[in-house]
Amino acid sequence: QQHNINTMKLRDPQIACFWIGACGLLQVALWFGIMVVRVKSYNKDVDSALRLKNLARNADSDNLKATRAHGNLAENAPMFAVMLLAVDLIGVIPDTILELTGLIFIMGRFFHAIGLYADDGSTLGRILGSFLTLFSLTSLSVQCLITTIVLNGGINLYRLAGLIASIILSKMFAGKMYQS
């Protein structure tokens, strides 16, 4: 199927809309998790400033876990949503691949949140969740690249340089992380 960027019509992004909605529901559920923990641990005799200090010092483990589960989704969901929407709108990548990518991302975030709540430290849920999230974000990144290469019939020098720079930077940062 030949694609021409000048005559291309964007399609209805139903797949992206569904998975972005699922991210939103997960975000709301994790927010409620924070509120439940805070209500359960609320002590009217303790000053609110002291409660914030306890959270900052990791003294309130349940609150910290709930906040981190919510925050970890908030860190990853926007990039996921933007890439999924872009790829879905253009319609070069098959629907089944987009659906699977959305499912893998949601399951990754779900397992990661469950793993955070389960125990301190590295748990199977956190490890599996992180892997699935990284896999889905990497897959979407590649899907975005494939989409633009297919639409343009190749890759120009500027985009190739940007791609090479991204790969080099990611290897540099990954190398520094493993040295620490």
Protein backbone atom coordinates (compact mmCIF):
# COMPACT_ATOMS: atom_id res chain seq x y z
CA GLN A 1 0.00 0.00 0.00
CA GLN A 2 1.50 3.30 -1.14
CA HIS A 3 1.16 6.25 1.24
CA ASN A 4 1.48 9.87 0.22
CA ILE A 5 1.81 12.36 3.03
CA ASN A 6 0.28 15.15 0.92
CA THR A 7 -2.93 13.27 0.08
CA MET A 8 -3.18 11.20 3.26
CA LYS A 9 -6.32 11.47 5.36
CA LEU A 10 -6.09 10.89 9.08
CA ARG A 11 -8.25 8.10 10.37
CA ASP A 12 -10.46 7.95 13.43
CA PRO A 13 -8.15 7.16 16.39
CA GLN A 14 -10.46 4.69 18.14
CA ILE A 15 -7.67 2.40 19.31
CA ALA A 16 -5.68 5.22 20.88
CA CYS A 17 -8.83 6.66 22.41
CA PHE A 18 -9.63 3.36 24.14
CA TRP A 19 -6.15 2.79 25.58
CA ILE A 20 -5.73 6.42 26.62
CA GLY A 21 -9.07 6.08 28.41
CA ALA A 22 -7.81 2.92 30.12
CA CYS A 23 -4.71 4.86 31.26
CA GLY A 24 -7.00 7.55 32.62
CA LEU A 25 -9.03 5.03 34.62
CA LEU A 26 -5.87 3.45 36.00
CA GLN A 27 -4.61 6.92 36.97
CA VAL A 28 -7.89 7.65 38.79
CA ALA A 29 -7.79 4.27 40.55
CA LEU A 30 -4.23 4.91 41.73
CA TRP A 31 -5.23 8.40 42.90
CA PHE A 32 -8.05 6.85 44.94
CA GLY A 33 -5.45 4.46 46.35
CA ILE A 34 -3.53 7.45 47.68
CA MET A 35 -6.68 8.94 49.20
CA VAL A 36 -7.66 5.66 50.87
CA VAL A 37 -4.21 5.32 52.45
CA ARG A 38 -4.29 8.92 53.62
CA VAL A 39 -7.79 8.65 55.10
CA LYS A 40 -6.88 5.39 56.89
CA SER A 41 -3.74 6.91 58.36
CA TYR A 42 -5.30 10.28 59.15
CA ASN A 43 -4.77 11.38 62.71
CA LYS A 44 -6.44 14.67 63.58
CA ASP A 45 -3.93 15.15 66.39
CA VAL A 46 -0.98 15.21 63.95
CA ASP A 47 -0.22 18.47 62.16
CA SER A 48 -0.44 18.30 58.35
CA ALA A 49 3.11 19.64 58.04
CA LEU A 50 4.36 16.69 60.13
CA ARG A 51 2.45 14.26 57.86
CA LEU A 52 4.23 15.76 54.83
CA LYS A 53 7.60 15.46 56.58
CA ASN A 54 6.86 11.80 57.34
CA LEU A 55 6.07 11.20 53.67
CA ALA A 56 9.25 12.98 52.58
CA ARG A 57 11.32 10.91 55.02
CA ASN A 58 9.72 7.65 53.84
CA ALA A 59 8.26 7.22 57.33
CA ASP A 60 4.79 6.59 55.90
CA SER A 61 5.48 3.54 53.76
CA ASP A 62 1.89 2.92 52.59
CA ASN A 63 1.44 6.54 51.53
CA LEU A 64 4.78 6.51 49.76
CA LYS A 65 3.94 3.32 47.84
CA ALA A 66 0.56 4.71 46.77
CA THR A 67 2.12 7.99 45.69
CA ARG A 68 4.89 6.25 43.76
CA ALA A 69 2.45 3.93 41.95
CA HIS A 70 0.43 6.96 40.87
CA GLY A 71 3.52 8.99 39.96
CA ASN A 72 5.13 6.18 37.96
CA LEU A 73 2.05 5.95 35.75
CA ALA A 74 1.99 9.75 35.41
CA GLU A 75 5.61 9.64 34.20
CA ASN A 76 5.01 7.05 31.49
CA ALA A 77 1.42 7.54 30.31
CA PRO A 78 1.81 10.90 28.51
CA MET A 79 4.55 9.70 26.15
CA PHE A 80 2.67 6.45 25.59
CA ALA A 81 -0.54 8.34 24.79
CA VAL A 82 1.09 10.79 22.38
CA MET A 83 2.93 8.08 20.46
CA LEU A 84 -0.11 5.78 20.33
CA LEU A 85 -2.32 8.62 19.12
CA ALA A 86 0.15 9.62 16.40
CA VAL A 87 0.55 6.08 15.09
CA ASP A 88 -3.19 5.37 15.31
CA LEU A 89 -4.16 8.57 13.46
CA ILE A 90 -1.87 7.82 10.53
CA GLY A 91 -2.93 4.19 10.23
CA VAL A 92 0.21 2.58 8.80
CA ILE A 93 0.68 0.08 11.67
CA PRO A 94 -1.89 -2.78 11.78
CA ASP A 95 -4.67 -2.43 14.36
CA THR A 96 -3.79 -5.71 16.08
CA ILE A 97 -0.28 -4.46 16.84
CA LEU A 98 -1.66 -1.21 18.26
CA GLU A 99 -4.18 -3.10 20.42
CA LEU A 100 -1.49 -5.42 21.76
CA THR A 101 0.80 -2.48 22.48
CA GLY A 102 -1.96 -0.78 24.47
CA LEU A 103 -2.73 -3.97 26.39
CA ILE A 104 0.95 -4.58 27.18
CA PHE A 105 1.37 -1.01 28.48
CA ILE A 106 -1.72 -1.20 30.72
CA MET A 107 -0.73 -4.62 32.05
CA GLY A 108 2.79 -3.34 32.69
CA ARG A 109 1.53 -0.40 34.71
CA PHE A 110 -0.94 -2.66 36.54
CA PHE A 111 1.72 -5.21 37.52
CA HIS A 112 4.11 -2.43 38.53
CA ALA A 113 1.51 -0.85 40.83
CA ILE A 114 0.64 -4.23 42.37
CA GLY A 115 4.34 -4.92 42.88
CA LEU A 116 4.84 -1.57 44.59
CA TYR A 117 1.98 -2.23 47.00
CA ALA A 118 3.10 -5.81 47.66
CA ASP A 119 6.45 -5.18 49.27
CA ASP A 120 9.41 -2.85 49.51
CA GLY A 121 12.22 -3.42 47.06
CA SER A 122 12.21 -5.34 43.81
CA THR A 123 9.21 -7.62 43.47
CA LEU A 124 8.14 -9.82 40.58
CA GLY A 125 5.27 -7.41 39.88
CA ARG A 126 7.56 -4.38 39.68
CA ILE A 127 10.11 -6.19 37.51
CA LEU A 128 7.46 -7.59 35.15
CA GLY A 129 5.63 -4.26 35.09
CA SER A 130 8.78 -2.33 34.28
CA PHE A 131 9.71 -4.76 31.52
CA LEU A 132 6.23 -4.64 29.92
CA THR A 133 6.17 -0.85 30.12
CA LEU A 134 9.63 -0.53 28.59
CA PHE A 135 8.70 -3.05 25.90
CA SER A 136 5.51 -1.18 24.96
CA LEU A 137 7.24 2.23 24.92
CA THR A 138 10.09 0.85 22.80
CA SER A 139 7.61 -0.83 20.46
CA LEU A 140 5.67 2.41 20.04
CA SER A 141 8.88 4.33 19.41
CA VAL A 142 9.77 1.91 16.62
CA GLN A 143 6.19 2.09 15.29
CA CYS A 144 6.47 5.90 15.13
CA LEU A 145 9.75 5.62 13.23
CA ILE A 146 8.38 3.02 10.82
CA THR A 147 5.28 5.14 10.23
CA THR A 148 7.26 8.22 9.23
CA ILE A 149 9.72 6.23 7.11
CA VAL A 150 6.85 4.53 5.24
CA LEU A 151 5.02 7.82 4.72
CA ASN A 152 8.09 9.60 3.44
CA GLY A 153 9.43 6.69 1.41
CA GLY A 154 12.66 6.71 3.39
CA ILE A 155 14.56 8.73 5.94
CA ASN A 156 16.32 12.05 5.35
CA LEU A 157 19.73 13.03 6.68
CA TYR A 158 18.36 15.19 9.53
CA ARG A 159 16.13 12.43 10.87
CA LEU A 160 18.89 9.87 10.52
CA ALA A 161 21.24 12.14 12.52
CA GLY A 162 18.58 12.61 15.20
CA LEU A 163 17.98 8.87 15.40
CA ILE A 164 21.69 8.14 15.73
CA ALA A 165 22.03 10.85 18.42
CA SER A 166 19.09 9.34 20.36
CA ILE A 167 20.65 5.88 20.24
CA ILE A 168 24.07 7.17 21.33
CA LEU A 169 22.58 9.21 24.21
CA SER A 170 20.46 6.30 25.43
CA LYS A 171 23.52 4.03 25.43
CA MET A 172 25.54 6.66 27.32
CA PHE A 173 22.89 7.06 30.00
CA ALA A 174 22.33 3.33 30.28
CA GLY A 175 26.08 2.82 30.66
CA LYS A 176 26.26 5.41 33.45
CA MET A 177 23.36 3.76 35.28
CA TYR A 178 25.10 0.39 35.29
CA GLN A 179 28.37 1.91 36.50
CA SER A 180 26.76 3.40 39.61
